Amino acid sequence: MAWAGTGLLWTVSGGVLVSKTLAQIAKAGEPLPATDLSFLQISDSHIGFSKEANKDVTATFKIALDRINAMPTPPSFLIHTGDITQLSKPEEFDTFDEVLKSCRTKDVFYVPG
């Protein structure tokens, strides 16, 4: 579960694509360099899962969003690349939507997975 509660910040500057984890950004404690484009990728939130590997996925998702919101410059957009919920139940999607409202990104896009 090393990747739980994290994501990747992708930046493009001068045509060069670079990524950093949210943990790397938090440790640096310095402003991000100016870029042509930045976006954040998260995945596999699995809202509704509650087994031994992660008994509180909603809290883990909130940690990832807290890290995003703590960034000195919010990314241009957020992309969630699959497995939003565990069982695709309406209440799992409702929980996801409610928690996601706290995110400071302007736009959110989804790729099914």
PDB file of N, CA and C in Angstrom:
ATOM      1  N   MET A   1       0.816  -1.204   0.000  1.00  0.00           N
ATOM      2  CA  MET A   1       0.000   0.000   0.000  1.00  0.00           C
ATOM      3  C   MET A   1       0.857   1.264   0.000  1.00  0.00           C
ATOM      4  N   ALA A   2       2.072   1.185  -0.504  1.00  0.00           N
ATOM      5  CA  ALA A   2       2.965   2.339  -0.523  1.00  0.00           C
ATOM      6  C   ALA A   2       2.395   3.503  -1.320  1.00  0.00           C
ATOM      7  N   TRP A   3       1.553   3.220  -2.300  1.00  0.00           N
ATOM      8  CA  TRP A   3       0.998   4.284  -3.123  1.00  0.00           C
ATOM      9  C   TRP A   3      -0.329   4.804  -2.596  1.00  0.00           C
ATOM     10  N   ALA A   4      -0.849   4.245  -1.544  1.00  0.00           N
ATOM     11  CA  ALA A   4      -2.134   4.701  -1.010  1.00  0.00           C
ATOM     12  C   ALA A   4      -2.028   6.151  -0.566  1.00  0.00           C
ATOM     13  N   GLY A   5      -3.002   6.953  -0.948  1.00  0.00           N
ATOM     14  CA  GLY A   5      -3.037   8.350  -0.535  1.00  0.00           C
ATOM     15  C   GLY A   5      -2.091   9.243  -1.295  1.00  0.00           C
ATOM     16  N   THR A   6      -1.675   8.824  -2.455  1.00  0.00           N
ATOM     17  CA  THR A   6      -0.760   9.653  -3.221  1.00  0.00           C
ATOM     18  C   THR A   6      -1.255   9.811  -4.646  1.00  0.00           C
ATOM     19  N   GLY A   7      -0.484  10.467  -5.415  1.00  0.00           N
ATOM     20  CA  GLY A   7      -0.775  10.694  -6.823  1.00  0.00           C
ATOM     21  C   GLY A   7       0.480  11.208  -7.480  1.00  0.00           C
ATOM     22  N   LEU A   8       0.392  11.497  -8.756  1.00  0.00           N
ATOM     23  CA  LEU A   8       1.525  12.029  -9.499  1.00  0.00           C
ATOM     24  C   LEU A   8       1.174  13.395 -10.047  1.00  0.00           C
ATOM     25  N   LEU A   9       2.092  14.336  -9.889  1.00  0.00           N
ATOM     26  CA  LEU A   9       1.974  15.632 -10.535  1.00  0.00           C
ATOM     27  C   LEU A   9       2.793  15.559 -11.810  1.00  0.00           C
ATOM     28  N   TRP A  10       2.148  15.799 -12.919  1.00  0.00           N
ATOM     29  CA  TRP A  10       2.818  15.818 -14.211  1.00  0.00           C
ATOM     30  C   TRP A  10       2.961  17.269 -14.633  1.00  0.00           C
ATOM     31  N   THR A  11       4.157  17.649 -15.066  1.00  0.00           N
ATOM     32  CA  THR A  11       4.381  18.999 -15.563  1.00  0.00           C
ATOM     33  C   THR A  11       5.000  18.916 -16.952  1.00  0.00           C
ATOM     34  N   VAL A  12       4.670  19.901 -17.763  1.00  0.00           N
ATOM     35  CA  VAL A  12       5.242  20.007 -19.097  1.00  0.00           C
ATOM     36  C   VAL A  12       5.830  21.400 -19.222  1.00  0.00           C
ATOM     37  N   SER A  13       7.096  21.442 -19.568  1.00  0.00           N
ATOM     38  CA  SER A  13       7.763  22.719 -19.788  1.00  0.00           C
ATOM     39  C   SER A  13       8.746  22.539 -20.934  1.00  0.00           C
ATOM     40  N   GLY A  14       8.620  23.356 -21.942  1.00  0.00           N
ATOM     41  CA  GLY A  14       9.504  23.232 -23.096  1.00  0.00           C
ATOM     42  C   GLY A  14       9.368  21.894 -23.798  1.00  0.00           C
ATOM     43  N   GLY A  15       8.195  21.281 -23.702  1.00  0.00           N
ATOM     44  CA  GLY A  15       7.949  20.005 -24.347  1.00  0.00           C
ATOM     45  C   GLY A  15       8.440  18.796 -23.575  1.00  0.00           C
ATOM     46  N   VAL A  16       8.974  19.009 -22.369  1.00  0.00           N
ATOM     47  CA  VAL A  16       9.501  17.908 -21.562  1.00  0.00           C
ATOM     48  C   VAL A  16       8.495  17.562 -20.466  1.00  0.00           C
ATOM     49  N   LEU A  17       8.092  16.287 -20.409  1.00  0.00           N
ATOM     50  CA  LEU A  17       7.144  15.797 -19.412  1.00  0.00           C
ATOM     51  C   LEU A  17       7.915  15.244 -18.219  1.00  0.00           C
ATOM     52  N   VAL A  18       7.572  15.708 -17.017  1.00  0.00           N
ATOM     53  CA  VAL A  18       8.244  15.286 -15.785  1.00  0.00           C
ATOM     54  C   VAL A  18       7.170  14.953 -14.758  1.00  0.00           C
ATOM     55  N   SER A  19       7.422  13.937 -13.917  1.00  0.00           N
ATOM     56  CA  SER A  19       6.462  13.607 -12.861  1.00  0.00           C
ATOM     57  C   SER A  19       7.137  13.596 -11.505  1.00  0.00           C
ATOM     58  N   LYS A  20       6.350  13.915 -10.479  1.00  0.00           N
ATOM     59  CA  LYS A  20       6.771  13.835  -9.082  1.00  0.00           C
ATOM     60  C   LYS A  20       5.588  13.335  -8.277  1.00  0.00           C
ATOM     61  N   THR A  21       5.865  12.576  -7.220  1.00  0.00           N
ATOM     62  CA  THR A  21       4.781  12.134  -6.346  1.00  0.00           C
ATOM     63  C   THR A  21       4.365  13.278  -5.436  1.00  0.00           C
ATOM     64  N   LEU A  22       3.166  13.190  -4.888  1.00  0.00           N
ATOM     65  CA  LEU A  22       2.712  14.201  -3.928  1.00  0.00           C
ATOM     66  C   LEU A  22       3.636  14.247  -2.721  1.00  0.00           C
ATOM     67  N   ALA A  23       4.167  13.099  -2.309  1.00  0.00           N
ATOM     68  CA  ALA A  23       5.087  13.060  -1.169  1.00  0.00           C
ATOM     69  C   ALA A  23       6.369  13.828  -1.479  1.00  0.00           C
ATOM     70  N   GLN A  24       6.899  13.704  -2.688  1.00  0.00           N
ATOM     71  CA  GLN A  24       8.096  14.451  -3.069  1.00  0.00           C
ATOM     72  C   GLN A  24       7.836  15.953  -3.041  1.00  0.00           C
ATOM     73  N   ILE A  25       6.677  16.354  -3.496  1.00  0.00           N
ATOM     74  CA  ILE A  25       6.330  17.775  -3.511  1.00  0.00           C
ATOM     75  C   ILE A  25       6.215  18.300  -2.086  1.00  0.00           C
ATOM     76  N   ALA A  26       5.568  17.534  -1.214  1.00  0.00           N
ATOM     77  CA  ALA A  26       5.389  17.951   0.183  1.00  0.00           C
ATOM     78  C   ALA A  26       6.730  18.062   0.896  1.00  0.00           C
ATOM     79  N   LYS A  27       7.648  17.141   0.641  1.00  0.00           N
ATOM     80  CA  LYS A  27       8.967  17.163   1.282  1.00  0.00           C
ATOM     81  C   LYS A  27       9.789  18.359   0.835  1.00  0.00           C
ATOM     82  N   ALA A  28       9.674  18.727  -0.442  1.00  0.00           N
ATOM     83  CA  ALA A  28      10.488  19.807  -0.981  1.00  0.00           C
ATOM     84  C   ALA A  28      10.195  21.124  -0.278  1.00  0.00           C
ATOM     85  N   GLY A  29       8.937  21.384   0.019  1.00  0.00           N
ATOM     86  CA  GLY A  29       8.562  22.601   0.728  1.00  0.00           C
ATOM     87  C   GLY A  29       8.921  23.877  -0.002  1.00  0.00           C
ATOM     88  N   GLU A  30       9.041  23.814  -1.294  1.00  0.00           N
ATOM     89  CA  GLU A  30       9.379  24.999  -2.069  1.00  0.00           C
ATOM     90  C   GLU A  30       8.400  25.136  -3.231  1.00  0.00           C
ATOM     91  N   PRO A  31       8.261  26.346  -3.763  1.00  0.00           N
ATOM     92  CA  PRO A  31       7.322  26.526  -4.868  1.00  0.00           C
ATOM     93  C   PRO A  31       7.730  25.673  -6.069  1.00  0.00           C
ATOM     94  N   LEU A  32       6.750  25.248  -6.811  1.00  0.00           N
ATOM     95  CA  LEU A  32       7.031  24.489  -8.023  1.00  0.00           C
ATOM     96  C   LEU A  32       7.503  25.441  -9.109  1.00  0.00           C
ATOM     97  N   PRO A  33       8.406  24.978  -9.975  1.00  0.00           N
ATOM     98  CA  PRO A  33       8.856  25.853 -11.060  1.00  0.00           C
ATOM     99  C   PRO A  33       7.705  26.169 -12.011  1.00  0.00           C
ATOM    100  N   ALA A  34       7.806  27.310 -12.673  1.00  0.00           N
ATOM    101  CA  ALA A  34       6.789  27.681 -13.658  1.00  0.00           C
ATOM    102  C   ALA A  34       6.814  26.669 -14.799  1.00  0.00           C
ATOM    103  N   THR A  35       5.647  26.259 -15.232  1.00  0.00           N
ATOM    104  CA  THR A  35       5.544  25.276 -16.308  1.00  0.00           C
ATOM    105  C   THR A  35       4.489  25.710 -17.303  1.00  0.00           C
ATOM    106  N   ASP A  36       4.527  25.087 -18.461  1.00  0.00           N
ATOM    107  CA  ASP A  36       3.514  25.348 -19.476  1.00  0.00           C
ATOM    108  C   ASP A  36       2.188  24.701 -19.093  1.00  0.00           C
ATOM    109  N   LEU A  37       2.272  23.552 -18.407  1.00  0.00           N
ATOM    110  CA  LEU A  37       1.079  22.796 -18.046  1.00  0.00           C
ATOM    111  C   LEU A  37       1.401  21.909 -16.853  1.00  0.00           C
ATOM    112  N   SER A  38       0.469  21.801 -15.935  1.00  0.00           N
ATOM    113  CA  SER A  38       0.614  20.825 -14.844  1.00  0.00           C
ATOM    114  C   SER A  38      -0.748  20.188 -14.598  1.00  0.00           C
ATOM    115  N   PHE A  39      -0.716  18.889 -14.345  1.00  0.00           N
ATOM    116  CA  PHE A  39      -1.950  18.200 -13.986  1.00  0.00           C
ATOM    117  C   PHE A  39      -1.611  17.081 -13.024  1.00  0.00           C
ATOM    118  N   LEU A  40      -2.607  16.668 -12.278  1.00  0.00           N
ATOM    119  CA  LEU A  40      -2.398  15.645 -11.277  1.00  0.00           C
ATOM    120  C   LEU A  40      -3.168  14.392 -11.630  1.00  0.00           C
ATOM    121  N   GLN A  41      -2.521  13.247 -11.470  1.00  0.00           N
ATOM    122  CA  GLN A  41      -3.148  11.955 -11.748  1.00  0.00           C
ATOM    123  C   GLN A  41      -3.293  11.177 -10.448  1.00  0.00           C
ATOM    124  N   ILE A  42      -4.521  10.731 -10.175  1.00  0.00           N
ATOM    125  CA  ILE A  42      -4.761   9.807  -9.072  1.00  0.00           C
ATOM    126  C   ILE A  42      -5.488   8.598  -9.642  1.00  0.00           C
ATOM    127  N   SER A  43      -5.481   7.519  -8.899  1.00  0.00           N
ATOM    128  CA  SER A  43      -6.092   6.297  -9.402  1.00  0.00           C
ATOM    129  C   SER A  43      -6.447   5.373  -8.254  1.00  0.00           C
ATOM    130  N   ASP A  44      -7.344   4.452  -8.533  1.00  0.00           N
ATOM    131  CA  ASP A  44      -7.637   3.347  -7.620  1.00  0.00           C
ATOM    132  C   ASP A  44      -8.062   3.791  -6.222  1.00  0.00           C
ATOM    133  N   SER A  45      -8.981   4.736  -6.152  1.00  0.00           N
ATOM    134  CA  SER A  45      -9.477   5.148  -4.832  1.00  0.00           C
ATOM    135  C   SER A  45     -10.314   4.044  -4.184  1.00  0.00           C
ATOM    136  N   HIS A  46     -10.960   3.211  -4.973  1.00  0.00           N
ATOM    137  CA  HIS A  46     -11.712   2.040  -4.485  1.00  0.00           C
ATOM    138  C   HIS A  46     -12.636   2.358  -3.304  1.00  0.00           C
ATOM    139  N   ILE A  47     -13.363   3.478  -3.376  1.00  0.00           N
ATOM    140  CA  ILE A  47     -14.291   3.830  -2.302  1.00  0.00           C
ATOM    141  C   ILE A  47     -15.264   2.663  -2.097  1.00  0.00           C
ATOM    142  N   GLY A  48     -15.403   2.225  -0.860  1.00  0.00           N
ATOM    143  CA  GLY A  48     -16.246   1.081  -0.524  1.00  0.00           C
ATOM    144  C   GLY A  48     -15.441  -0.135  -0.099  1.00  0.00           C
ATOM    145  N   PHE A  49     -14.150  -0.163  -0.426  1.00  0.00           N
ATOM    146  CA  PHE A  49     -13.278  -1.266  -0.014  1.00  0.00           C
ATOM    147  C   PHE A  49     -13.006  -1.141   1.482  1.00  0.00           C
ATOM    148  N   SER A  50     -12.964  -2.260   2.201  1.00  0.00           N
ATOM    149  CA  SER A  50     -12.696  -2.184   3.649  1.00  0.00           C
ATOM    150  C   SER A  50     -12.046  -3.462   4.171  1.00  0.00           C
ATOM    151  N   LYS A  51     -11.098  -3.981   3.447  1.00  0.00           N
ATOM    152  CA  LYS A  51     -10.386  -5.189   3.876  1.00  0.00           C
ATOM    153  C   LYS A  51      -9.075  -4.796   4.562  1.00  0.00           C
ATOM    154  N   GLU A  52      -8.312  -5.794   4.941  1.00  0.00           N
ATOM    155  CA  GLU A  52      -7.086  -5.596   5.711  1.00  0.00           C
ATOM    156  C   GLU A  52      -6.099  -4.627   5.043  1.00  0.00           C
ATOM    157  N   ALA A  53      -5.969  -4.684   3.736  1.00  0.00           N
ATOM    158  CA  ALA A  53      -4.985  -3.841   3.047  1.00  0.00           C
ATOM    159  C   ALA A  53      -5.220  -2.350   3.285  1.00  0.00           C
ATOM    160  N   ASN A  54      -6.480  -1.942   3.401  1.00  0.00           N
ATOM    161  CA  ASN A  54      -6.814  -0.540   3.663  1.00  0.00           C
ATOM    162  C   ASN A  54      -8.241  -0.502   4.203  1.00  0.00           C
ATOM    163  N   LYS A  55      -8.352  -0.381   5.506  1.00  0.00           N
ATOM    164  CA  LYS A  55      -9.673  -0.444   6.147  1.00  0.00           C
ATOM    165  C   LYS A  55     -10.459   0.863   6.048  1.00  0.00           C
ATOM    166  N   ASP A  56      -9.811   1.947   5.613  1.00  0.00           N
ATOM    167  CA  ASP A  56     -10.511   3.230   5.497  1.00  0.00           C
ATOM    168  C   ASP A  56     -10.048   3.957   4.238  1.00  0.00           C
ATOM    169  N   VAL A  57     -10.526   3.495   3.088  1.00  0.00           N
ATOM    170  CA  VAL A  57     -10.100   4.088   1.820  1.00  0.00           C
ATOM    171  C   VAL A  57     -10.572   5.535   1.669  1.00  0.00           C
ATOM    172  N   THR A  58     -11.673   5.878   2.295  1.00  0.00           N
ATOM    173  CA  THR A  58     -12.145   7.264   2.221  1.00  0.00           C
ATOM    174  C   THR A  58     -11.147   8.194   2.899  1.00  0.00           C
ATOM    175  N   ALA A  59     -10.630   7.798   4.050  1.00  0.00           N
ATOM    176  CA  ALA A  59      -9.611   8.601   4.737  1.00  0.00           C
ATOM    177  C   ALA A  59      -8.343   8.691   3.894  1.00  0.00           C
ATOM    178  N   THR A  60      -7.976   7.603   3.251  1.00  0.00           N
ATOM    179  CA  THR A  60      -6.791   7.601   2.393  1.00  0.00           C
ATOM    180  C   THR A  60      -6.989   8.551   1.215  1.00  0.00           C
ATOM    181  N   PHE A  61      -8.177   8.549   0.632  1.00  0.00           N
ATOM    182  CA  PHE A  61      -8.493   9.463  -0.464  1.00  0.00           C
ATOM    183  C   PHE A  61      -8.426  10.910   0.019  1.00  0.00           C
ATOM    184  N   LYS A  62      -8.930  11.168   1.218  1.00  0.00           N
ATOM    185  CA  LYS A  62      -8.867  12.519   1.788  1.00  0.00           C
ATOM    186  C   LYS A  62      -7.423  12.969   1.977  1.00  0.00           C
ATOM    187  N   ILE A  63      -6.541  12.057   2.374  1.00  0.00           N
ATOM    188  CA  ILE A  63      -5.120  12.393   2.532  1.00  0.00           C
ATOM    189  C   ILE A  63      -4.544  12.855   1.194  1.00  0.00           C
ATOM    190  N   ALA A  64      -4.861  12.130   0.131  1.00  0.00           N
ATOM    191  CA  ALA A  64      -4.375  12.518  -1.198  1.00  0.00           C
ATOM    192  C   ALA A  64      -4.885  13.910  -1.569  1.00  0.00           C
ATOM    193  N   LEU A  65      -6.156  14.176  -1.317  1.00  0.00           N
ATOM    194  CA  LEU A  65      -6.716  15.492  -1.642  1.00  0.00           C
ATOM    195  C   LEU A  65      -6.115  16.584  -0.770  1.00  0.00           C
ATOM    196  N   ASP A  66      -5.839  16.292   0.492  1.00  0.00           N
ATOM    197  CA  ASP A  66      -5.173  17.266   1.366  1.00  0.00           C
ATOM    198  C   ASP A  66      -3.797  17.626   0.815  1.00  0.00           C
ATOM    199  N   ARG A  67      -3.083  16.631   0.310  1.00  0.00           N
ATOM    200  CA  ARG A  67      -1.761  16.884  -0.280  1.00  0.00           C
ATOM    201  C   ARG A  67      -1.886  17.740  -1.538  1.00  0.00           C
ATOM    202  N   ILE A  68      -2.897  17.476  -2.333  1.00  0.00           N
ATOM    203  CA  ILE A  68      -3.125  18.287  -3.533  1.00  0.00           C
ATOM    204  C   ILE A  68      -3.447  19.726  -3.128  1.00  0.00           C
ATOM    205  N   ASN A  69      -4.323  19.887  -2.153  1.00  0.00           N
ATOM    206  CA  ASN A  69      -4.725  21.225  -1.713  1.00  0.00           C
ATOM    207  C   ASN A  69      -3.589  21.988  -1.045  1.00  0.00           C
ATOM    208  N   ALA A  70      -2.586  21.284  -0.528  1.00  0.00           N
ATOM    209  CA  ALA A  70      -1.444  21.929   0.123  1.00  0.00           C
ATOM    210  C   ALA A  70      -0.399  22.408  -0.883  1.00  0.00           C
ATOM    211  N   MET A  71      -0.552  22.038  -2.140  1.00  0.00           N
ATOM    212  CA  MET A  71       0.416  22.465  -3.153  1.00  0.00           C
ATOM    213  C   MET A  71       0.365  23.979  -3.294  1.00  0.00           C
ATOM    214  N   PRO A  72       1.530  24.628  -3.442  1.00  0.00           N
ATOM    215  CA  PRO A  72       1.537  26.092  -3.553  1.00  0.00           C
ATOM    216  C   PRO A  72       0.797  26.607  -4.785  1.00  0.00           C
ATOM    217  N   THR A  73       0.819  25.844  -5.857  1.00  0.00           N
ATOM    218  CA  THR A  73       0.099  26.203  -7.073  1.00  0.00           C
ATOM    219  C   THR A  73      -0.769  25.015  -7.469  1.00  0.00           C
ATOM    220  N   PRO A  74      -2.075  25.188  -7.518  1.00  0.00           N
ATOM    221  CA  PRO A  74      -2.921  24.045  -7.880  1.00  0.00           C
ATOM    222  C   PRO A  74      -2.674  23.618  -9.327  1.00  0.00           C
ATOM    223  N   PRO A  75      -2.756  22.319  -9.600  1.00  0.00           N
ATOM    224  CA  PRO A  75      -2.593  21.862 -10.980  1.00  0.00           C
ATOM    225  C   PRO A  75      -3.746  22.348 -11.854  1.00  0.00           C
ATOM    226  N   SER A  76      -3.508  22.368 -13.153  1.00  0.00           N
ATOM    227  CA  SER A  76      -4.533  22.822 -14.095  1.00  0.00           C
ATOM    228  C   SER A  76      -5.775  21.952 -14.036  1.00  0.00           C
ATOM    229  N   PHE A  77      -5.576  20.657 -13.870  1.00  0.00           N
ATOM    230  CA  PHE A  77      -6.708  19.746 -13.750  1.00  0.00           C
ATOM    231  C   PHE A  77      -6.268  18.468 -13.060  1.00  0.00           C
ATOM    232  N   LEU A  78      -7.259  17.681 -12.661  1.00  0.00           N
ATOM    233  CA  LEU A  78      -7.049  16.389 -12.015  1.00  0.00           C
ATOM    234  C   LEU A  78      -7.637  15.320 -12.920  1.00  0.00           C
ATOM    235  N   ILE A  79      -6.913  14.226 -13.092  1.00  0.00           N
ATOM    236  CA  ILE A  79      -7.441  13.095 -13.854  1.00  0.00           C
ATOM    237  C   ILE A  79      -7.405  11.857 -12.965  1.00  0.00           C
ATOM    238  N   HIS A  80      -8.554  11.213 -12.849  1.00  0.00           N
ATOM    239  CA  HIS A  80      -8.653   9.973 -12.064  1.00  0.00           C
ATOM    240  C   HIS A  80      -8.684   8.835 -13.072  1.00  0.00           C
ATOM    241  N   THR A  81      -7.667   7.966 -13.001  1.00  0.00           N
ATOM    242  CA  THR A  81      -7.491   6.951 -14.040  1.00  0.00           C
ATOM    243  C   THR A  81      -7.973   5.568 -13.618  1.00  0.00           C
ATOM    244  N   GLY A  82      -9.152   5.516 -13.066  1.00  0.00           N
ATOM    245  CA  GLY A  82      -9.802   4.230 -12.885  1.00  0.00           C
ATOM    246  C   GLY A  82      -9.998   3.748 -11.469  1.00  0.00           C
ATOM    247  N   ASP A  83     -10.973   2.866 -11.332  1.00  0.00           N
ATOM    248  CA  ASP A  83     -11.349   2.240 -10.066  1.00  0.00           C
ATOM    249  C   ASP A  83     -11.705   3.270  -8.990  1.00  0.00           C
ATOM    250  N   ILE A  84     -12.674   4.101  -9.316  1.00  0.00           N
ATOM    251  CA  ILE A  84     -13.166   5.097  -8.367  1.00  0.00           C
ATOM    252  C   ILE A  84     -13.795   4.404  -7.165  1.00  0.00           C
ATOM    253  N   THR A  85     -14.617   3.392  -7.427  1.00  0.00           N
ATOM    254  CA  THR A  85     -15.307   2.680  -6.348  1.00  0.00           C
ATOM    255  C   THR A  85     -14.953   1.197  -6.383  1.00  0.00           C
ATOM    256  N   GLN A  86     -15.301   0.520  -5.320  1.00  0.00           N
ATOM    257  CA  GLN A  86     -15.034  -0.915  -5.239  1.00  0.00           C
ATOM    258  C   GLN A  86     -16.096  -1.735  -5.972  1.00  0.00           C
ATOM    259  N   LEU A  87     -17.375  -1.435  -5.709  1.00  0.00           N
ATOM    260  CA  LEU A  87     -18.461  -2.258  -6.251  1.00  0.00           C
ATOM    261  C   LEU A  87     -19.449  -1.484  -7.124  1.00  0.00           C
ATOM    262  N   SER A  88     -19.124  -0.244  -7.467  1.00  0.00           N
ATOM    263  CA  SER A  88     -19.976   0.601  -8.318  1.00  0.00           C
ATOM    264  C   SER A  88     -21.362   0.834  -7.736  1.00  0.00           C
ATOM    265  N   LYS A  89     -21.459   0.876  -6.419  1.00  0.00           N
ATOM    266  CA  LYS A  89     -22.737   1.165  -5.765  1.00  0.00           C
ATOM    267  C   LYS A  89     -22.967   2.677  -5.765  1.00  0.00           C
ATOM    268  N   PRO A  90     -24.225   3.099  -5.899  1.00  0.00           N
ATOM    269  CA  PRO A  90     -24.512   4.534  -5.904  1.00  0.00           C
ATOM    270  C   PRO A  90     -23.949   5.264  -4.681  1.00  0.00           C
ATOM    271  N   GLU A  91     -24.051   4.650  -3.502  1.00  0.00           N
ATOM    272  CA  GLU A  91     -23.554   5.329  -2.298  1.00  0.00           C
ATOM    273  C   GLU A  91     -22.031   5.473  -2.306  1.00  0.00           C
ATOM    274  N   GLU A  92     -21.324   4.577  -2.992  1.00  0.00           N
ATOM    275  CA  GLU A  92     -19.867   4.713  -3.110  1.00  0.00           C
ATOM    276  C   GLU A  92     -19.524   5.912  -3.996  1.00  0.00           C
ATOM    277  N   PHE A  93     -20.243   6.072  -5.100  1.00  0.00           N
ATOM    278  CA  PHE A  93     -20.033   7.237  -5.960  1.00  0.00           C
ATOM    279  C   PHE A  93     -20.413   8.525  -5.228  1.00  0.00           C
ATOM    280  N   ASP A  94     -21.481   8.483  -4.430  1.00  0.00           N
ATOM    281  CA  ASP A  94     -21.881   9.656  -3.644  1.00  0.00           C
ATOM    282  C   ASP A  94     -20.777  10.058  -2.674  1.00  0.00           C
ATOM    283  N   THR A  95     -20.194   9.077  -1.991  1.00  0.00           N
ATOM    284  CA  THR A  95     -19.096   9.357  -1.059  1.00  0.00           C
ATOM    285  C   THR A  95     -17.917   9.965  -1.804  1.00  0.00           C
ATOM    286  N   PHE A  96     -17.561   9.379  -2.933  1.00  0.00           N
ATOM    287  CA  PHE A  96     -16.455   9.898  -3.739  1.00  0.00           C
ATOM    288  C   PHE A  96     -16.703  11.357  -4.124  1.00  0.00           C
ATOM    289  N   ASP A  97     -17.895  11.635  -4.663  1.00  0.00           N
ATOM    290  CA  ASP A  97     -18.230  13.001  -5.082  1.00  0.00           C
ATOM    291  C   ASP A  97     -18.172  13.981  -3.920  1.00  0.00           C
ATOM    292  N   GLU A  98     -18.681  13.570  -2.769  1.00  0.00           N
ATOM    293  CA  GLU A  98     -18.695  14.450  -1.597  1.00  0.00           C
ATOM    294  C   GLU A  98     -17.273  14.785  -1.144  1.00  0.00           C
ATOM    295  N   VAL A  99     -16.410  13.796  -1.098  1.00  0.00           N
ATOM    296  CA  VAL A  99     -15.024  14.018  -0.672  1.00  0.00           C
ATOM    297  C   VAL A  99     -14.279  14.853  -1.713  1.00  0.00           C
ATOM    298  N   LEU A 100     -14.514  14.584  -2.985  1.00  0.00           N
ATOM    299  CA  LEU A 100     -13.809  15.287  -4.059  1.00  0.00           C
ATOM    300  C   LEU A 100     -14.118  16.784  -4.081  1.00  0.00           C
ATOM    301  N   LYS A 101     -15.254  17.186  -3.544  1.00  0.00           N
ATOM    302  CA  LYS A 101     -15.628  18.607  -3.519  1.00  0.00           C
ATOM    303  C   LYS A 101     -14.581  19.474  -2.833  1.00  0.00           C
ATOM    304  N   SER A 102     -13.775  18.875  -1.956  1.00  0.00           N
ATOM    305  CA  SER A 102     -12.767  19.650  -1.234  1.00  0.00           C
ATOM    306  C   SER A 102     -11.532  19.950  -2.080  1.00  0.00           C
ATOM    307  N   CYS A 103     -11.404  19.346  -3.242  1.00  0.00           N
ATOM    308  CA  CYS A 103     -10.199  19.496  -4.065  1.00  0.00           C
ATOM    309  C   CYS A 103     -10.169  20.860  -4.752  1.00  0.00           C
ATOM    310  N   ARG A 104      -8.985  21.513  -4.737  1.00  0.00           N
ATOM    311  CA  ARG A 104      -8.840  22.857  -5.288  1.00  0.00           C
ATOM    312  C   ARG A 104      -8.642  22.906  -6.799  1.00  0.00           C
ATOM    313  N   THR A 105      -8.633  21.793  -7.481  1.00  0.00           N
ATOM    314  CA  THR A 105      -8.439  21.839  -8.929  1.00  0.00           C
ATOM    315  C   THR A 105      -9.710  22.327  -9.616  1.00  0.00           C
ATOM    316  N   LYS A 106      -9.510  23.012 -10.733  1.00  0.00           N
ATOM    317  CA  LYS A 106     -10.649  23.577 -11.453  1.00  0.00           C
ATOM    318  C   LYS A 106     -11.479  22.492 -12.140  1.00  0.00           C
ATOM    319  N   ASP A 107     -10.807  21.591 -12.831  1.00  0.00           N
ATOM    320  CA  ASP A 107     -11.502  20.557 -13.597  1.00  0.00           C
ATOM    321  C   ASP A 107     -11.050  19.169 -13.165  1.00  0.00           C
ATOM    322  N   VAL A 108     -11.959  18.209 -13.259  1.00  0.00           N
ATOM    323  CA  VAL A 108     -11.658  16.806 -12.969  1.00  0.00           C
ATOM    324  C   VAL A 108     -12.141  15.977 -14.150  1.00  0.00           C
ATOM    325  N   PHE A 109     -11.281  15.067 -14.605  1.00  0.00           N
ATOM    326  CA  PHE A 109     -11.613  14.172 -15.708  1.00  0.00           C
ATOM    327  C   PHE A 109     -11.439  12.734 -15.237  1.00  0.00           C
ATOM    328  N   TYR A 110     -12.162  11.836 -15.872  1.00  0.00           N
ATOM    329  CA  TYR A 110     -12.152  10.428 -15.462  1.00  0.00           C
ATOM    330  C   TYR A 110     -11.857   9.529 -16.649  1.00  0.00           C
ATOM    331  N   VAL A 111     -11.053   8.511 -16.411  1.00  0.00           N
ATOM    332  CA  VAL A 111     -10.793   7.453 -17.383  1.00  0.00           C
ATOM    333  C   VAL A 111     -11.209   6.158 -16.708  1.00  0.00           C
ATOM    334  N   PRO A 112     -12.182   5.436 -17.266  1.00  0.00           N
ATOM    335  CA  PRO A 112     -12.604   4.195 -16.619  1.00  0.00           C
ATOM    336  C   PRO A 112     -11.464   3.177 -16.584  1.00  0.00           C
ATOM    337  N   GLY A 113     -11.496   2.360 -15.556  1.00  0.00           N
ATOM    338  CA  GLY A 113     -10.436   1.361 -15.461  1.00  0.00           C
ATOM    339  C   GLY A 113     -10.868   0.178 -14.646  1.00  0.00           C
TER     340      GLY A 113
END
